[in-house]
Amino acid sequence: MRTSLLLAVSLASIAPAGAFGLARDTLNIPVGHYRWIGFTVDIAQQEDTRIEGTIGVLPDSSSVELLLMHLDDFARWSSGGTDVDTLYRLRTGGGDIRIPIEGFGDMALVISNRGNYSGATVAASLDLAFEGTGAPYSPLLTGARIVLAMLAVAVALTLLLGVLVKEAGRRRRRRIGSGSPS
């Protein structure tokens, strides 16, 4: 029993804490063109974050380039800028994909058909997987929870104070009314 529990805990620590689908699509990419997928890695998702899945490329003689960059770098790159920070680059003819992601923020995964002499059809099944809690931090939501908690405490204190004042009033009336007439 103890060994089974230890094995279950070990497997739970190895399994990814979360994942969501980035792409489940077939893309037709003409020569010299690209398609891109925008996504956000939240600060709570930045532990061992990666893009994983499979890509199939047709015709078989073609390959595509996968580029990972921050969204602001993608905006410069897509408008012809050359001074961009590429976080990851991979040329593949298809197969299993695993792209590590360091840090967090708004990202773009570019699937480019540069360097081929014909259009490419790309079947992508890609997920964003991570080990962190995956609970996104929202300052607005956190602030609303704090205000709601403070309001609940204020209501509880008001009710408690009302009960105490009412009880004190009853005790005072009992003392005043308990004497004998002279």
C-alpha atoms as a PDB file:
ATOM      1  CA  MET A   1       0.000   0.000   0.000  1.00  0.00           C
ATOM      2  CA  ARG A   2       2.783   2.402   0.934  1.00  0.00           C
ATOM      3  CA  THR A   3       4.620   1.609  -2.317  1.00  0.00           C
ATOM      4  CA  SER A   4       1.456   2.262  -4.356  1.00  0.00           C
ATOM      5  CA  LEU A   5       0.944   5.621  -2.668  1.00  0.00           C
ATOM      6  CA  LEU A   6       4.584   6.595  -3.259  1.00  0.00           C
ATOM      7  CA  LEU A   7       4.271   5.590  -6.923  1.00  0.00           C
ATOM      8  CA  ALA A   8       1.055   7.611  -7.339  1.00  0.00           C
ATOM      9  CA  VAL A   9       2.639  10.705  -5.778  1.00  0.00           C
ATOM     10  CA  SER A  10       5.733  10.322  -7.975  1.00  0.00           C
ATOM     11  CA  LEU A  11       3.657  10.008 -11.141  1.00  0.00           C
ATOM     12  CA  ALA A  12       1.550  13.014 -10.180  1.00  0.00           C
ATOM     13  CA  SER A  13       4.676  15.122  -9.802  1.00  0.00           C
ATOM     14  CA  ILE A  14       5.902  14.063 -13.256  1.00  0.00           C
ATOM     15  CA  ALA A  15       2.613  14.712 -15.072  1.00  0.00           C
ATOM     16  CA  PRO A  16       2.117  18.194 -16.456  1.00  0.00           C
ATOM     17  CA  ALA A  17       0.111  20.503 -14.242  1.00  0.00           C
ATOM     18  CA  GLY A  18      -1.778  21.826 -17.214  1.00  0.00           C
ATOM     19  CA  ALA A  19      -2.018  22.155 -20.942  1.00  0.00           C
ATOM     20  CA  PHE A  20      -4.219  23.795 -23.496  1.00  0.00           C
ATOM     21  CA  GLY A  21      -4.504  23.433 -27.224  1.00  0.00           C
ATOM     22  CA  LEU A  22      -2.663  25.912 -29.422  1.00  0.00           C
ATOM     23  CA  ALA A  23      -3.452  24.425 -32.824  1.00  0.00           C
ATOM     24  CA  ARG A  24      -5.571  21.588 -34.150  1.00  0.00           C
ATOM     25  CA  ASP A  25      -5.732  22.581 -37.769  1.00  0.00           C
ATOM     26  CA  THR A  26      -4.511  22.028 -41.305  1.00  0.00           C
ATOM     27  CA  LEU A  27      -2.815  25.114 -42.733  1.00  0.00           C
ATOM     28  CA  ASN A  28      -2.110  25.789 -46.401  1.00  0.00           C
ATOM     29  CA  ILE A  29       0.963  28.009 -46.560  1.00  0.00           C
ATOM     30  CA  PRO A  30       2.057  29.414 -49.940  1.00  0.00           C
ATOM     31  CA  VAL A  31       5.747  29.737 -50.840  1.00  0.00           C
ATOM     32  CA  GLY A  32       7.435  32.544 -48.910  1.00  0.00           C
ATOM     33  CA  HIS A  33       4.468  33.025 -46.563  1.00  0.00           C
ATOM     34  CA  TYR A  34       3.747  32.126 -42.958  1.00  0.00           C
ATOM     35  CA  ARG A  35       0.954  31.543 -40.467  1.00  0.00           C
ATOM     36  CA  TRP A  36       1.209  32.446 -36.810  1.00  0.00           C
ATOM     37  CA  ILE A  37      -0.420  31.495 -33.531  1.00  0.00           C
ATOM     38  CA  GLY A  38      -0.600  34.035 -30.729  1.00  0.00           C
ATOM     39  CA  PHE A  39      -0.818  32.947 -27.089  1.00  0.00           C
ATOM     40  CA  THR A  40       0.010  34.143 -23.582  1.00  0.00           C
ATOM     41  CA  VAL A  41       2.162  32.388 -21.000  1.00  0.00           C
ATOM     42  CA  ASP A  42       0.999  33.603 -17.591  1.00  0.00           C
ATOM     43  CA  ILE A  43       3.492  33.967 -14.747  1.00  0.00           C
ATOM     44  CA  ALA A  44       1.845  30.982 -13.009  1.00  0.00           C
ATOM     45  CA  GLN A  45       2.446  28.843 -16.123  1.00  0.00           C
ATOM     46  CA  GLN A  46       6.141  29.567 -16.600  1.00  0.00           C
ATOM     47  CA  GLU A  47       7.550  26.479 -14.874  1.00  0.00           C
ATOM     48  CA  ASP A  48       8.862  23.974 -17.474  1.00  0.00           C
ATOM     49  CA  THR A  49       6.682  25.546 -20.158  1.00  0.00           C
ATOM     50  CA  ARG A  50       6.830  24.045 -23.628  1.00  0.00           C
ATOM     51  CA  ILE A  51       4.994  23.623 -26.882  1.00  0.00           C
ATOM     52  CA  GLU A  52       4.570  19.943 -27.654  1.00  0.00           C
ATOM     53  CA  GLY A  53       2.716  17.889 -30.190  1.00  0.00           C
ATOM     54  CA  THR A  54       3.078  16.818 -33.800  1.00  0.00           C
ATOM     55  CA  ILE A  55       3.348  18.476 -37.179  1.00  0.00           C
ATOM     56  CA  GLY A  56       2.850  16.841 -40.555  1.00  0.00           C
ATOM     57  CA  VAL A  57       4.143  18.564 -43.710  1.00  0.00           C
ATOM     58  CA  LEU A  58       3.046  17.796 -47.274  1.00  0.00           C
ATOM     59  CA  PRO A  59       4.560  17.324 -49.795  1.00  0.00           C
ATOM     60  CA  ASP A  60       7.008  15.031 -48.027  1.00  0.00           C
ATOM     61  CA  SER A  61       9.996  16.796 -49.601  1.00  0.00           C
ATOM     62  CA  SER A  62       9.034  20.113 -47.942  1.00  0.00           C
ATOM     63  CA  SER A  63       9.985  21.428 -44.555  1.00  0.00           C
ATOM     64  CA  VAL A  64       8.724  24.376 -42.547  1.00  0.00           C
ATOM     65  CA  GLU A  65      10.441  26.670 -40.107  1.00  0.00           C
ATOM     66  CA  LEU A  66       9.029  27.153 -36.609  1.00  0.00           C
ATOM     67  CA  LEU A  67       9.945  30.434 -34.933  1.00  0.00           C
ATOM     68  CA  LEU A  68       9.048  31.376 -31.372  1.00  0.00           C
ATOM     69  CA  MET A  69       9.222  35.037 -30.378  1.00  0.00           C
ATOM     70  CA  HIS A  70       7.590  37.598 -28.144  1.00  0.00           C
ATOM     71  CA  LEU A  71       4.578  39.296 -29.703  1.00  0.00           C
ATOM     72  CA  ASP A  72       6.290  42.699 -29.939  1.00  0.00           C
ATOM     73  CA  ASP A  73       9.231  41.087 -31.767  1.00  0.00           C
ATOM     74  CA  PHE A  74       6.759  39.347 -34.082  1.00  0.00           C
ATOM     75  CA  ALA A  75       5.174  42.714 -34.916  1.00  0.00           C
ATOM     76  CA  ARG A  76       8.608  44.075 -35.932  1.00  0.00           C
ATOM     77  CA  TRP A  77       9.552  40.869 -37.800  1.00  0.00           C
ATOM     78  CA  SER A  78       6.283  40.714 -39.749  1.00  0.00           C
ATOM     79  CA  SER A  79       6.679  44.334 -40.876  1.00  0.00           C
ATOM     80  CA  GLY A  80      10.160  43.639 -42.259  1.00  0.00           C
ATOM     81  CA  GLY A  81      12.280  44.441 -39.213  1.00  0.00           C
ATOM     82  CA  THR A  82      15.526  42.571 -38.790  1.00  0.00           C
ATOM     83  CA  ASP A  83      16.385  43.342 -35.165  1.00  0.00           C
ATOM     84  CA  VAL A  84      14.210  40.756 -33.405  1.00  0.00           C
ATOM     85  CA  ASP A  85      14.874  38.350 -30.569  1.00  0.00           C
ATOM     86  CA  THR A  86      13.973  34.839 -31.714  1.00  0.00           C
ATOM     87  CA  LEU A  87      13.444  32.618 -28.668  1.00  0.00           C
ATOM     88  CA  TYR A  88      13.537  29.350 -30.616  1.00  0.00           C
ATOM     89  CA  ARG A  89      14.016  28.278 -34.232  1.00  0.00           C
ATOM     90  CA  LEU A  90      13.468  24.830 -35.741  1.00  0.00           C
ATOM     91  CA  ARG A  91      13.271  23.557 -39.324  1.00  0.00           C
ATOM     92  CA  THR A  92      11.274  20.348 -39.612  1.00  0.00           C
ATOM     93  CA  GLY A  93       9.747  18.103 -42.233  1.00  0.00           C
ATOM     94  CA  GLY A  94       7.249  16.862 -39.647  1.00  0.00           C
ATOM     95  CA  GLY A  95       7.137  14.658 -36.582  1.00  0.00           C
ATOM     96  CA  ASP A  96       7.100  15.209 -32.842  1.00  0.00           C
ATOM     97  CA  ILE A  97       7.699  18.764 -31.666  1.00  0.00           C
ATOM     98  CA  ARG A  98       8.955  19.994 -28.289  1.00  0.00           C
ATOM     99  CA  ILE A  99       9.817  23.680 -28.025  1.00  0.00           C
ATOM    100  CA  PRO A 100      10.948  24.925 -24.592  1.00  0.00           C
ATOM    101  CA  ILE A 101       9.682  28.343 -23.503  1.00  0.00           C
ATOM    102  CA  GLU A 102      11.613  30.445 -21.005  1.00  0.00           C
ATOM    103  CA  GLY A 103       9.742  33.186 -19.183  1.00  0.00           C
ATOM    104  CA  PHE A 104       6.240  34.495 -19.674  1.00  0.00           C
ATOM    105  CA  GLY A 105       4.287  37.058 -21.659  1.00  0.00           C
ATOM    106  CA  ASP A 106       2.559  37.367 -25.010  1.00  0.00           C
ATOM    107  CA  MET A 107       4.168  35.037 -27.565  1.00  0.00           C
ATOM    108  CA  ALA A 108       3.873  34.152 -31.241  1.00  0.00           C
ATOM    109  CA  LEU A 109       4.657  30.803 -32.845  1.00  0.00           C
ATOM    110  CA  VAL A 110       5.336  31.322 -36.540  1.00  0.00           C
ATOM    111  CA  ILE A 111       5.054  28.469 -39.044  1.00  0.00           C
ATOM    112  CA  SER A 112       6.975  29.694 -42.091  1.00  0.00           C
ATOM    113  CA  ASN A 113       7.261  28.269 -45.601  1.00  0.00           C
ATOM    114  CA  ARG A 114      10.457  30.086 -46.544  1.00  0.00           C
ATOM    115  CA  GLY A 115      12.973  28.124 -48.580  1.00  0.00           C
ATOM    116  CA  ASN A 116      10.567  25.782 -50.382  1.00  0.00           C
ATOM    117  CA  TYR A 117       9.726  25.828 -54.089  1.00  0.00           C
ATOM    118  CA  SER A 118       6.060  24.947 -53.599  1.00  0.00           C
ATOM    119  CA  GLY A 119       3.273  25.561 -51.132  1.00  0.00           C
ATOM    120  CA  ALA A 120       3.104  23.408 -48.025  1.00  0.00           C
ATOM    121  CA  THR A 121       0.171  21.858 -46.233  1.00  0.00           C
ATOM    122  CA  VAL A 122       0.851  21.657 -42.511  1.00  0.00           C
ATOM    123  CA  ALA A 123      -1.265  19.530 -40.167  1.00  0.00           C
ATOM    124  CA  ALA A 124      -0.597  20.827 -36.658  1.00  0.00           C
ATOM    125  CA  SER A 125      -1.634  19.338 -33.331  1.00  0.00           C
ATOM    126  CA  LEU A 126       0.159  21.477 -30.753  1.00  0.00           C
ATOM    127  CA  ASP A 127      -0.398  22.125 -27.035  1.00  0.00           C
ATOM    128  CA  LEU A 128       1.074  24.568 -24.542  1.00  0.00           C
ATOM    129  CA  ALA A 129       2.042  22.456 -21.510  1.00  0.00           C
ATOM    130  CA  PHE A 130       3.440  23.633 -18.174  1.00  0.00           C
ATOM    131  CA  GLU A 131       4.217  22.487 -14.625  1.00  0.00           C
ATOM    132  CA  GLY A 132       3.173  25.597 -12.682  1.00  0.00           C
ATOM    133  CA  THR A 133      -0.166  26.128 -10.989  1.00  0.00           C
ATOM    134  CA  GLY A 134      -1.629  27.490 -14.174  1.00  0.00           C
ATOM    135  CA  ALA A 135      -3.872  29.851 -12.248  1.00  0.00           C
ATOM    136  CA  PRO A 136      -3.611  33.145 -14.086  1.00  0.00           C
ATOM    137  CA  TYR A 137      -3.034  36.234 -11.957  1.00  0.00           C
ATOM    138  CA  SER A 138      -5.535  38.996 -12.548  1.00  0.00           C
ATOM    139  CA  PRO A 139      -5.067  42.214 -10.566  1.00  0.00           C
ATOM    140  CA  LEU A 140      -8.726  43.137 -11.089  1.00  0.00           C
ATOM    141  CA  LEU A 141      -9.977  39.755  -9.895  1.00  0.00           C
ATOM    142  CA  THR A 142      -7.605  39.776  -6.918  1.00  0.00           C
ATOM    143  CA  GLY A 143      -8.723  43.295  -5.961  1.00  0.00           C
ATOM    144  CA  ALA A 144     -12.379  42.295  -6.243  1.00  0.00           C
ATOM    145  CA  ARG A 145     -11.772  39.301  -3.969  1.00  0.00           C
ATOM    146  CA  ILE A 146     -10.063  41.512  -1.376  1.00  0.00           C
ATOM    147  CA  VAL A 147     -12.945  44.030  -1.444  1.00  0.00           C
ATOM    148  CA  LEU A 148     -15.493  41.211  -1.162  1.00  0.00           C
ATOM    149  CA  ALA A 149     -13.619  39.687   1.798  1.00  0.00           C
ATOM    150  CA  MET A 150     -13.430  43.082   3.534  1.00  0.00           C
ATOM    151  CA  LEU A 151     -17.157  43.622   2.935  1.00  0.00           C
ATOM    152  CA  ALA A 152     -17.957  40.190   4.390  1.00  0.00           C
ATOM    153  CA  VAL A 153     -15.866  40.967   7.500  1.00  0.00           C
ATOM    154  CA  ALA A 154     -17.594  44.361   7.888  1.00  0.00           C
ATOM    155  CA  VAL A 155     -21.061  42.770   7.636  1.00  0.00           C
ATOM    156  CA  ALA A 156     -20.105  40.058  10.145  1.00  0.00           C
ATOM    157  CA  LEU A 157     -18.724  42.641  12.598  1.00  0.00           C
ATOM    158  CA  THR A 158     -21.843  44.802  12.201  1.00  0.00           C
ATOM    159  CA  LEU A 159     -24.107  41.832  12.926  1.00  0.00           C
ATOM    160  CA  LEU A 160     -21.987  40.802  15.917  1.00  0.00           C
ATOM    161  CA  LEU A 161     -21.991  44.347  17.293  1.00  0.00           C
ATOM    162  CA  GLY A 162     -25.782  44.543  16.813  1.00  0.00           C
ATOM    163  CA  VAL A 163     -26.306  41.300  18.732  1.00  0.00           C
ATOM    164  CA  LEU A 164     -23.998  42.466  21.554  1.00  0.00           C
ATOM    165  CA  VAL A 165     -25.747  45.856  21.855  1.00  0.00           C
ATOM    166  CA  LYS A 166     -29.180  44.210  21.868  1.00  0.00           C
ATOM    167  CA  GLU A 167     -28.100  41.703  24.530  1.00  0.00           C
ATOM    168  CA  ALA A 168     -26.616  44.485  26.678  1.00  0.00           C
ATOM    169  CA  GLY A 169     -29.912  46.408  26.404  1.00  0.00           C
ATOM    170  CA  ARG A 170     -31.897  43.369  27.576  1.00  0.00           C
ATOM    171  CA  ARG A 171     -29.620  42.888  30.588  1.00  0.00           C
ATOM    172  CA  ARG A 172     -29.950  46.557  31.536  1.00  0.00           C
ATOM    173  CA  ARG A 173     -33.762  46.385  31.372  1.00  0.00           C
ATOM    174  CA  ARG A 174     -33.784  43.267  33.556  1.00  0.00           C
ATOM    175  CA  ARG A 175     -31.687  44.993  36.220  1.00  0.00           C
ATOM    176  CA  ILE A 176     -33.856  48.096  36.182  1.00  0.00           C
ATOM    177  CA  GLY A 177     -37.133  46.147  36.333  1.00  0.00           C
ATOM    178  CA  SER A 178     -36.106  43.590  38.997  1.00  0.00           C
ATOM    179  CA  GLY A 179     -36.280  45.870  42.074  1.00  0.00           C
ATOM    180  CA  SER A 180     -39.257  45.887  44.553  1.00  0.00           C
ATOM    181  CA  PRO A 181     -41.450  48.982  44.902  1.00  0.00           C
ATOM    182  CA  SER A 182     -40.943  51.020  48.085  1.00  0.00           C
END
